[in-house]
N, C-alpha and C. Protein backbone atom coordinates (compact mmCIF):
# COMPACT_ATOMS: atom_id res chain seq x y z
N MET A 1 122.02 -12.13 53.49
CA MET A 1 123.33 -12.44 54.69
C MET A 1 124.22 -11.46 54.51
N THR A 2 124.56 -10.43 55.66
CA THR A 2 125.52 -9.38 55.79
C THR A 2 127.09 -9.50 55.70
N GLU A 3 127.79 -9.02 54.76
CA GLU A 3 129.06 -9.10 54.58
C GLU A 3 129.47 -9.52 55.92
N GLY A 4 129.36 -8.79 56.97
CA GLY A 4 130.03 -9.11 58.22
C GLY A 4 129.82 -10.26 58.86
N HIS A 5 128.59 -10.77 58.74
CA HIS A 5 127.91 -12.14 59.32
C HIS A 5 128.57 -13.24 58.75
N GLY A 6 129.45 -12.53 57.35
CA GLY A 6 129.95 -13.76 56.41
C GLY A 6 131.18 -13.80 56.97
N ILE A 7 131.95 -12.86 57.12
CA ILE A 7 133.38 -12.45 57.53
C ILE A 7 133.22 -13.65 59.08
N ASP A 8 132.45 -13.07 59.76
CA ASP A 8 132.30 -13.74 61.18
C ASP A 8 132.46 -15.35 60.99
N ARG A 9 131.63 -15.78 60.35
CA ARG A 9 131.72 -17.29 60.18
C ARG A 9 132.81 -17.71 59.22
N LEU A 10 133.23 -17.10 58.68
CA LEU A 10 134.94 -17.81 58.01
C LEU A 10 135.83 -17.73 58.73
N ARG A 11 135.65 -16.59 59.99
CA ARG A 11 136.78 -16.28 61.34
C ARG A 11 136.60 -17.84 61.84
N GLY A 12 135.41 -18.11 61.77
CA GLY A 12 135.22 -19.61 62.79
C GLY A 12 135.60 -20.55 62.41
N LYS A 13 135.92 -20.74 60.96
CA LYS A 13 136.29 -21.95 60.60
C LYS A 13 137.71 -21.90 59.99
N THR A 14 138.61 -23.37 60.02
CA THR A 14 139.44 -23.73 59.70
C THR A 14 139.86 -25.04 59.24
N SER A 15 140.67 -25.10 58.44
CA SER A 15 141.09 -26.17 57.74
C SER A 15 141.71 -27.87 58.55
N LEU A 16 141.28 -28.52 58.04
CA LEU A 16 142.19 -29.83 58.82
C LEU A 16 143.44 -29.92 58.31
N LYS A 17 143.72 -29.01 57.26
CA LYS A 17 145.45 -28.99 57.43
C LYS A 17 145.85 -28.16 58.60
N GLU A 18 144.84 -27.05 58.63
CA GLU A 18 145.87 -25.95 59.87
C GLU A 18 145.72 -26.73 61.18
N ILE A 19 144.44 -27.66 61.16
CA ILE A 19 144.48 -28.17 62.70
C ILE A 19 145.39 -28.88 63.04
N LEU A 20 145.94 -29.90 61.77
CA LEU A 20 146.57 -30.87 62.26
C LEU A 20 147.97 -29.94 62.30
N GLU A 21 148.23 -29.28 61.99
CA GLU A 21 150.19 -28.00 61.80
C GLU A 21 149.97 -27.82 63.25
N VAL A 22 148.89 -26.99 63.81
CA VAL A 22 149.03 -26.54 65.12
C VAL A 22 149.07 -27.80 66.02
N ALA A 23 148.24 -28.92 66.03
CA ALA A 23 148.39 -29.97 66.90
C ALA A 23 149.62 -30.68 66.53
N THR A 24 150.14 -30.86 65.72
CA THR A 24 151.61 -31.47 65.52
C THR A 24 152.64 -30.67 66.07
N HIS A 25 152.19 -29.31 66.41
CA HIS A 25 153.22 -28.18 67.06
C HIS A 25 153.04 -28.33 68.45
N PHE A 26 151.88 -28.57 68.84
CA PHE A 26 151.53 -28.80 70.39
C PHE A 26 152.14 -29.86 70.80
N GLU A 27 151.89 -30.87 70.09
CA GLU A 27 152.81 -32.01 70.76
C GLU A 27 154.41 -32.27 70.29
N GLU A 28 154.46 -31.61 69.93
CA GLU A 28 156.14 -31.31 69.48
C GLU A 28 156.62 -30.33 70.81
N VAL A 29 155.73 -29.36 70.78
CA VAL A 29 156.32 -28.54 72.29
C VAL A 29 155.83 -29.23 73.56
N ALA A 30 155.29 -29.75 73.88
CA ALA A 30 155.23 -30.72 74.84
C ALA A 30 156.18 -31.91 74.83
N ARG A 31 156.42 -32.74 74.12
CA ARG A 31 157.80 -33.68 74.09
C ARG A 31 158.89 -32.49 74.15
N ASP A 32 159.14 -31.71 73.59
CA ASP A 32 160.34 -31.24 74.17
C ASP A 32 161.21 -30.39 75.22
N PHE A 33 159.08 -29.63 75.78
CA PHE A 33 158.94 -29.13 77.33
C PHE A 33 159.62 -30.63 78.47
N TYR A 34 158.84 -31.77 78.14
CA TYR A 34 159.21 -32.94 78.78
C TYR A 34 160.31 -33.27 79.29
N THR A 35 161.24 -33.34 77.83
CA THR A 35 162.39 -33.92 77.49
C THR A 35 163.50 -32.70 78.47
N ALA A 36 163.13 -31.88 78.45
CA ALA A 36 164.26 -30.62 79.11
C ALA A 36 163.75 -30.90 80.62
N LEU A 37 162.81 -31.08 80.82
CA LEU A 37 162.34 -31.15 82.43
C LEU A 37 162.73 -32.15 83.14
N ILE A 38 163.24 -33.25 82.34
CA ILE A 38 163.69 -34.99 83.00
C ILE A 38 164.70 -34.66 84.03
N PRO A 39 165.82 -33.74 83.59
CA PRO A 39 166.65 -34.03 84.55
C PRO A 39 166.36 -33.02 85.90
N LYS A 40 165.40 -32.16 85.57
CA LYS A 40 165.47 -31.11 86.23
C LYS A 40 164.35 -31.56 87.54
N VAL A 41 163.40 -32.65 87.16
CA VAL A 41 162.23 -32.99 88.21
C VAL A 41 162.89 -34.05 89.36
N SER A 42 161.95 -34.24 90.49
CA SER A 42 162.64 -34.95 91.64
C SER A 42 162.54 -36.94 91.16
N LYS A 43 163.41 -37.51 91.83
CA LYS A 43 163.05 -38.84 91.17
C LYS A 43 161.80 -39.41 91.55
N ARG A 44 161.17 -38.68 92.38
CA ARG A 44 160.09 -39.44 92.65
C ARG A 44 158.99 -39.27 91.30
N ILE A 45 159.26 -38.24 90.41
CA ILE A 45 158.20 -38.25 88.92
C ILE A 45 158.96 -38.11 87.82
N ARG A 46 159.90 -38.06 88.20
CA ARG A 46 160.83 -38.53 87.07
C ARG A 46 160.14 -39.69 86.07
N TYR A 47 159.85 -40.84 86.21
CA TYR A 47 159.46 -41.90 85.18
C TYR A 47 158.41 -41.12 84.74
N LEU A 48 157.14 -40.23 85.43
CA LEU A 48 156.41 -40.01 84.54
C LEU A 48 156.41 -38.83 83.81
N VAL A 49 157.34 -37.97 83.73
CA VAL A 49 158.03 -37.03 83.12
C VAL A 49 158.31 -37.70 81.72
N GLU A 50 159.58 -38.81 81.88
CA GLU A 50 159.78 -39.76 80.84
C GLU A 50 158.78 -40.19 79.92
N GLU A 51 157.59 -40.78 81.00
CA GLU A 51 156.56 -41.25 80.29
C GLU A 51 155.64 -40.14 79.38
N LEU A 52 155.80 -38.84 80.04
CA LEU A 52 154.90 -37.45 79.59
C LEU A 52 155.81 -37.80 77.50
N ALA A 53 156.89 -37.40 77.99
CA ALA A 53 157.91 -36.83 76.96
C ALA A 53 157.42 -37.86 75.56
N ALA A 54 157.88 -39.43 76.01
CA ALA A 54 157.85 -40.72 75.16
C ALA A 54 156.16 -40.75 74.59
N GLU A 55 154.91 -40.20 75.27
CA GLU A 55 153.90 -40.04 74.61
C GLU A 55 153.51 -38.72 74.03
N GLU A 56 153.58 -37.83 74.50
CA GLU A 56 154.04 -36.98 73.40
C GLU A 56 154.70 -37.09 71.75
N GLN A 57 156.11 -37.94 71.95
CA GLN A 57 156.53 -38.32 70.74
C GLN A 57 155.97 -39.44 69.69
N ARG A 58 154.90 -40.34 71.06
CA ARG A 58 154.13 -40.94 69.66
C ARG A 58 152.93 -39.96 69.19
N HIS A 59 152.40 -39.08 69.86
CA HIS A 59 151.39 -38.08 69.63
C HIS A 59 152.07 -37.84 68.04
N TYR A 60 153.21 -37.29 68.33
CA TYR A 60 154.00 -36.14 66.88
C TYR A 60 154.01 -37.39 66.37
N ASP A 61 154.77 -38.42 66.26
CA ASP A 61 154.80 -39.79 65.36
C ASP A 61 153.32 -39.76 64.24
N MET A 62 152.55 -40.14 65.21
CA MET A 62 150.86 -40.43 64.72
C MET A 62 150.49 -39.03 63.70
N PHE A 63 150.78 -37.87 63.93
CA PHE A 63 150.36 -36.83 62.95
C PHE A 63 151.30 -36.74 62.18
N GLY A 64 152.48 -36.90 62.20
CA GLY A 64 153.36 -36.95 60.97
C GLY A 64 153.34 -37.91 60.10
N ALA A 65 152.99 -39.39 60.17
CA ALA A 65 152.61 -40.42 59.43
C ALA A 65 151.07 -39.83 58.77
N LEU A 66 150.32 -39.39 59.52
CA LEU A 66 148.93 -39.24 59.10
C LEU A 66 149.26 -37.81 57.66
N ALA A 67 149.88 -36.72 58.06
CA ALA A 67 150.11 -36.15 56.93
C ALA A 67 151.00 -36.57 55.97
N GLN A 68 151.91 -37.79 56.01
CA GLN A 68 152.34 -38.37 54.55
C GLN A 68 151.40 -38.98 53.74
N ARG A 69 149.99 -39.84 54.23
CA ARG A 69 149.14 -40.14 53.67
C ARG A 69 148.60 -39.83 52.57
N ALA A 70 148.54 -40.55 51.28
CA ALA A 70 148.07 -39.91 50.12
C ALA A 70 146.62 -39.97 50.04
N ASP A 71 145.78 -40.71 50.93
CA ASP A 71 144.37 -41.01 50.69
C ASP A 71 143.85 -39.79 51.52
N ILE A 72 144.47 -38.92 52.12
CA ILE A 72 143.64 -37.98 52.97
C ILE A 72 143.65 -36.79 52.34
N ALA A 73 144.50 -36.22 51.17
CA ALA A 73 144.93 -35.16 50.56
C ALA A 73 144.00 -34.15 50.36
N ALA A 74 142.73 -34.73 49.77
CA ALA A 74 141.44 -34.07 49.92
C ALA A 74 140.87 -33.40 51.09
N GLN A 75 140.62 -34.88 52.15
CA GLN A 75 140.22 -33.86 53.46
C GLN A 75 140.91 -33.30 53.97
N VAL A 76 142.15 -32.73 54.07
CA VAL A 76 142.91 -31.78 54.99
C VAL A 76 142.52 -30.32 54.30
N LYS A 77 142.04 -30.67 53.26
CA LYS A 77 141.35 -29.01 52.53
C LYS A 77 140.00 -28.97 53.21
N GLU A 78 139.39 -29.61 53.84
CA GLU A 78 137.71 -29.66 54.21
C GLU A 78 138.02 -28.58 55.23
N GLU A 79 137.03 -27.49 55.31
CA GLU A 79 136.97 -26.71 56.25
C GLU A 79 135.98 -27.41 57.74
N ILE A 80 135.84 -26.96 58.81
CA ILE A 80 135.59 -27.35 59.76
C ILE A 80 135.58 -26.26 60.96
N GLN A 81 134.33 -26.02 61.95
CA GLN A 81 134.41 -24.77 63.10
C GLN A 81 135.42 -25.20 63.86
N ARG A 82 135.82 -24.35 64.03
CA ARG A 82 137.23 -23.83 65.31
C ARG A 82 136.31 -24.52 66.52
N THR A 83 136.96 -25.17 67.62
CA THR A 83 136.20 -25.87 68.55
C THR A 83 136.26 -24.39 69.67
N ALA A 84 135.70 -24.60 70.94
CA ALA A 84 134.95 -24.22 71.56
C ALA A 84 136.79 -24.20 72.72
N ALA A 85 137.58 -24.97 72.55
CA ALA A 85 138.76 -25.78 73.35
C ALA A 85 139.79 -24.66 72.70
N ASP A 86 139.67 -24.45 71.39
CA ASP A 86 140.72 -23.85 70.37
C ASP A 86 141.39 -23.08 71.09
N SER A 87 141.61 -21.96 71.98
CA SER A 87 142.16 -21.10 72.32
C SER A 87 142.70 -21.47 73.99
N LYS A 88 142.21 -22.44 74.43
CA LYS A 88 142.86 -22.86 75.94
C LYS A 88 143.90 -24.03 74.76
N PHE A 89 143.52 -24.68 73.82
CA PHE A 89 144.54 -25.67 73.30
C PHE A 89 145.92 -24.65 73.04
N SER A 90 145.74 -23.80 72.47
CA SER A 90 146.46 -22.85 71.75
C SER A 90 147.86 -22.54 72.77
N ASP A 91 146.84 -21.77 73.96
CA ASP A 91 147.56 -21.24 75.06
C ASP A 91 148.90 -22.42 75.62
N CYS A 92 148.33 -23.35 75.65
CA CYS A 92 149.61 -24.72 75.99
C CYS A 92 150.29 -24.53 75.30
N LEU A 93 150.91 -23.64 73.71
CA LEU A 93 151.84 -23.53 73.61
C LEU A 93 153.17 -22.57 74.10
N HIS A 94 152.19 -21.90 75.22
CA HIS A 94 153.18 -20.88 75.59
C HIS A 94 153.61 -21.78 77.16
N LEU A 95 154.62 -21.93 76.93
CA LEU A 95 155.25 -23.17 78.11
C LEU A 95 155.60 -22.13 79.61
N PRO A 96 155.28 -22.32 81.04
CA PRO A 96 155.66 -21.98 82.03
C PRO A 96 157.26 -21.89 82.34
N ASP A 97 157.73 -21.35 83.30
CA ASP A 97 159.30 -21.25 83.26
C ASP A 97 159.00 -22.03 84.81
N LEU A 98 159.27 -23.10 84.62
CA LEU A 98 159.62 -23.98 86.10
C LEU A 98 160.70 -23.70 86.88
N GLY A 99 161.42 -23.45 86.44
CA GLY A 99 163.23 -23.23 87.22
C GLY A 99 163.64 -24.17 87.03
N ASP A 100 164.91 -24.12 87.62
CA ASP A 100 165.87 -25.46 87.94
C ASP A 100 165.95 -26.22 88.89
N ASN A 101 164.73 -26.16 89.49
CA ASN A 101 164.32 -27.27 90.56
C ASN A 101 162.50 -27.43 90.86
N PRO A 102 162.22 -27.95 89.80
CA PRO A 102 160.85 -27.60 89.91
C PRO A 102 159.83 -28.44 90.93
N ASP A 103 159.23 -28.14 91.45
CA ASP A 103 158.18 -28.78 92.34
C ASP A 103 157.54 -29.87 92.21
N ASP A 104 157.04 -30.82 92.63
CA ASP A 104 156.34 -32.05 91.81
C ASP A 104 154.83 -31.46 91.85
N GLN A 105 154.72 -30.53 92.52
CA GLN A 105 153.01 -30.04 92.32
C GLN A 105 153.14 -29.45 91.47
N ALA A 106 153.91 -28.54 90.91
CA ALA A 106 153.95 -27.41 89.99
C ALA A 106 153.96 -28.06 88.92
N VAL A 107 154.71 -29.33 88.61
CA VAL A 107 155.18 -29.98 87.37
C VAL A 107 153.51 -31.12 87.29
N LEU A 108 153.07 -31.24 88.00
CA LEU A 108 151.85 -32.43 88.25
C LEU A 108 150.51 -31.37 87.69
N GLN A 109 150.53 -29.95 88.05
CA GLN A 109 149.56 -29.04 87.58
C GLN A 109 149.40 -28.95 86.34
N TYR A 110 150.63 -28.24 86.06
CA TYR A 110 150.99 -28.19 84.30
C TYR A 110 150.62 -29.30 83.59
N ALA A 111 150.70 -30.56 83.88
CA ALA A 111 150.83 -31.34 82.96
C ALA A 111 149.21 -31.95 82.99
N MET A 112 148.32 -31.68 84.06
CA MET A 112 147.16 -31.84 84.03
C MET A 112 146.34 -30.30 83.33
N GLY A 113 146.81 -29.62 83.52
CA GLY A 113 146.14 -28.67 82.54
C GLY A 113 146.04 -28.53 81.22
N ARG A 114 147.43 -29.07 80.91
CA ARG A 114 147.71 -29.52 79.35
C ARG A 114 147.13 -30.60 78.88
N GLU A 115 146.85 -31.80 79.99
CA GLU A 115 146.28 -32.98 79.39
C GLU A 115 144.55 -32.73 79.02
N HIS A 116 143.94 -31.83 80.11
CA HIS A 116 143.01 -31.60 79.98
C HIS A 116 141.98 -30.36 78.83
N ALA A 117 143.07 -29.91 78.08
CA ALA A 117 143.58 -28.94 77.12
C ALA A 117 142.87 -29.80 75.86
N ALA A 118 144.12 -30.80 75.77
CA ALA A 118 144.12 -31.62 74.52
C ALA A 118 143.05 -32.22 74.71
N MET A 119 142.53 -32.97 75.82
CA MET A 119 141.35 -34.04 75.90
C MET A 119 140.13 -33.45 75.48
N SER A 120 139.79 -31.74 75.47
CA SER A 120 138.68 -31.13 75.29
C SER A 120 139.29 -30.87 73.50
N HIS A 121 140.13 -30.33 73.45
CA HIS A 121 140.31 -29.68 72.12
C HIS A 121 139.76 -31.63 70.91
N TYR A 122 140.62 -32.53 71.62
CA TYR A 122 141.04 -33.28 70.25
C TYR A 122 139.48 -33.90 70.49
N GLY A 123 138.77 -34.25 71.82
CA GLY A 123 137.26 -34.55 72.17
C GLY A 123 136.61 -33.50 70.87
N GLU A 124 136.28 -32.35 70.85
CA GLU A 124 135.25 -31.52 69.96
C GLU A 124 136.01 -31.50 68.60
N LEU A 125 137.10 -31.99 68.35
CA LEU A 125 137.50 -32.38 67.09
C LEU A 125 136.70 -33.73 66.41
N ALA A 126 137.28 -34.59 67.07
CA ALA A 126 136.22 -36.10 67.25
C ALA A 126 134.83 -35.95 67.02
N GLN A 127 134.52 -34.97 67.37
CA GLN A 127 132.76 -34.70 67.03
C GLN A 127 132.59 -33.92 65.91
N THR A 128 133.36 -33.21 65.55
CA THR A 128 133.18 -32.69 63.90
C THR A 128 133.57 -32.48 62.97
N ALA A 129 134.98 -33.40 63.05
CA ALA A 129 135.80 -33.88 61.84
C ALA A 129 135.19 -34.73 60.96
N PRO A 130 135.30 -34.73 59.98
CA PRO A 130 134.44 -35.54 58.60
C PRO A 130 134.95 -37.00 59.03
N ALA A 131 133.76 -38.14 58.83
CA ALA A 131 134.20 -39.46 59.09
C ALA A 131 135.81 -39.75 58.24
N GLY A 132 136.55 -40.78 58.79
CA GLY A 132 137.60 -41.07 57.98
C GLY A 132 138.68 -41.35 59.22
N PRO A 133 140.37 -41.05 58.43
CA PRO A 133 141.07 -41.31 59.03
C PRO A 133 141.66 -40.30 60.37
N ILE A 134 141.35 -38.83 60.16
CA ILE A 134 141.78 -38.02 60.68
C ILE A 134 140.40 -37.82 62.16
N LYS A 135 139.29 -38.17 61.57
CA LYS A 135 138.21 -38.02 63.09
C LYS A 135 138.92 -39.28 63.93
N ASP A 136 139.29 -40.71 63.38
CA ASP A 136 139.83 -41.86 63.99
C ASP A 136 140.71 -41.53 64.77
N LEU A 137 141.77 -40.61 64.40
CA LEU A 137 142.96 -39.96 65.37
C LEU A 137 142.55 -39.00 66.38
N PHE A 138 141.50 -37.90 66.01
CA PHE A 138 141.04 -37.54 67.08
C PHE A 138 140.25 -38.11 68.10
N VAL A 139 139.94 -39.64 67.64
CA VAL A 139 138.79 -39.95 68.94
C VAL A 139 139.72 -40.70 69.54
N PHE A 140 141.24 -41.67 69.14
CA PHE A 140 141.85 -42.25 69.66
C PHE A 140 142.35 -41.29 70.81
N LEU A 141 142.84 -39.93 70.17
CA LEU A 141 143.86 -38.73 70.91
C LEU A 141 143.07 -38.36 71.96
N ALA A 142 142.08 -38.19 71.96
CA ALA A 142 140.76 -37.67 73.16
C ALA A 142 140.80 -38.96 74.00
N SER A 143 140.52 -40.02 73.75
CA SER A 143 140.79 -40.89 74.84
C SER A 143 142.05 -41.38 75.36
N GLU A 144 142.98 -41.34 74.87
CA GLU A 144 144.22 -41.16 75.12
C GLU A 144 144.23 -40.17 76.22
N GLU A 145 143.91 -38.78 76.07
CA GLU A 145 144.62 -37.71 76.75
C GLU A 145 143.35 -37.76 77.96
N THR A 146 142.10 -38.57 77.95
CA THR A 146 141.62 -38.68 78.75
C THR A 146 142.17 -39.61 79.97
N LYS A 147 142.45 -40.64 79.39
CA LYS A 147 143.13 -41.71 80.27
C LYS A 147 144.38 -40.88 81.63
N HIS A 148 145.18 -40.21 80.73
CA HIS A 148 146.81 -39.52 81.01
C HIS A 148 145.94 -38.79 82.44
N LYS A 149 144.93 -37.90 81.71
CA LYS A 149 144.97 -36.92 82.76
C LYS A 149 144.21 -37.39 84.23
N LEU A 150 143.46 -38.34 84.15
CA LEU A 150 142.95 -39.48 85.10
C LEU A 150 143.99 -39.70 85.99
N GLU A 151 145.20 -40.44 85.25
CA GLU A 151 146.42 -40.97 85.68
C GLU A 151 146.91 -39.87 86.24
N LEU A 152 147.28 -38.76 85.98
CA LEU A 152 147.75 -37.54 86.73
C LEU A 152 147.16 -37.10 87.80
N GLU A 153 145.76 -36.71 87.68
CA GLU A 153 144.67 -36.31 88.71
C GLU A 153 145.17 -37.46 90.26
N LYS A 154 145.09 -38.64 89.72
CA LYS A 154 145.43 -39.74 90.82
C LYS A 154 146.81 -39.79 91.46
N LEU A 155 147.59 -39.60 90.44
CA LEU A 155 149.14 -38.91 91.01
C LEU A 155 149.28 -37.45 91.98
N TYR A 156 148.54 -36.80 91.31
CA TYR A 156 148.28 -35.26 92.46
C TYR A 156 147.93 -35.39 93.59
N TYR A 157 146.55 -36.24 93.91
CA TYR A 157 145.80 -36.62 95.00
C TYR A 157 146.77 -37.45 96.02
N GLU A 158 147.36 -38.37 95.24
CA GLU A 158 148.85 -39.15 96.13
C GLU A 158 149.89 -38.06 96.77
N THR A 159 150.07 -37.33 95.39
CA THR A 159 151.18 -36.21 95.99
C THR A 159 150.88 -35.51 96.90
N VAL A 160 149.98 -34.85 96.80
CA VAL A 160 149.52 -33.55 97.52
C VAL A 160 149.07 -33.70 98.77
N HIS A 161 147.45 -34.52 98.38
CA HIS A 161 146.81 -34.97 99.91
C HIS A 161 147.42 -35.71 100.91
N ARG A 162 148.25 -36.78 100.18
CA ARG A 162 148.41 -37.87 101.03
C ARG A 162 150.04 -37.25 101.77
N GLY A 163 150.72 -36.38 101.21
CA GLY A 163 152.05 -36.22 101.74
C GLY A 163 152.90 -37.03 100.96
N GLY A 164 153.09 -36.90 99.66
CA GLY A 164 154.23 -37.41 98.75
C GLY A 164 154.24 -39.22 98.27
N GLY A 165 152.96 -39.48 98.28
CA GLY A 165 153.42 -40.84 98.39
C GLY A 165 153.57 -41.44 97.13
N VAL A 166 154.40 -40.68 96.24
CA VAL A 166 154.70 -40.99 94.63
C VAL A 166 155.60 -42.27 95.04
């Protein structure tokens, strides 16, 4: 094996600890973004943005609780292959400027994109993480994000294609 090939393989790996840190930050950024957005959005979708902020807080809390568990200390040192969705997930840490009076459609588009990135990333991590509490968390989060994305798509369709029936 050539040295370059070995370095390329190492670059494609990451520790579960790093994944958990990025995922925790992802949820924190989302929570703060949605919380700041609540007073700016229309009353038609304010409830949704409040729910999204609360959901991101729950996910953040799950990662925090997992990080405190002594029984996973060895597991977080394990390295796994980076997911194909890794860069799109990381891109979601860069937030759009939706202005002081964001359009419902723009908010829903952003939220759908974020949920899709999280669903893909957590789904791939659920497939590659070793069995245990971290894998279980990724399976749960992939399912949660899938449900959120479907709910957002339904609301988006109603808002955009049916003339704002929110």
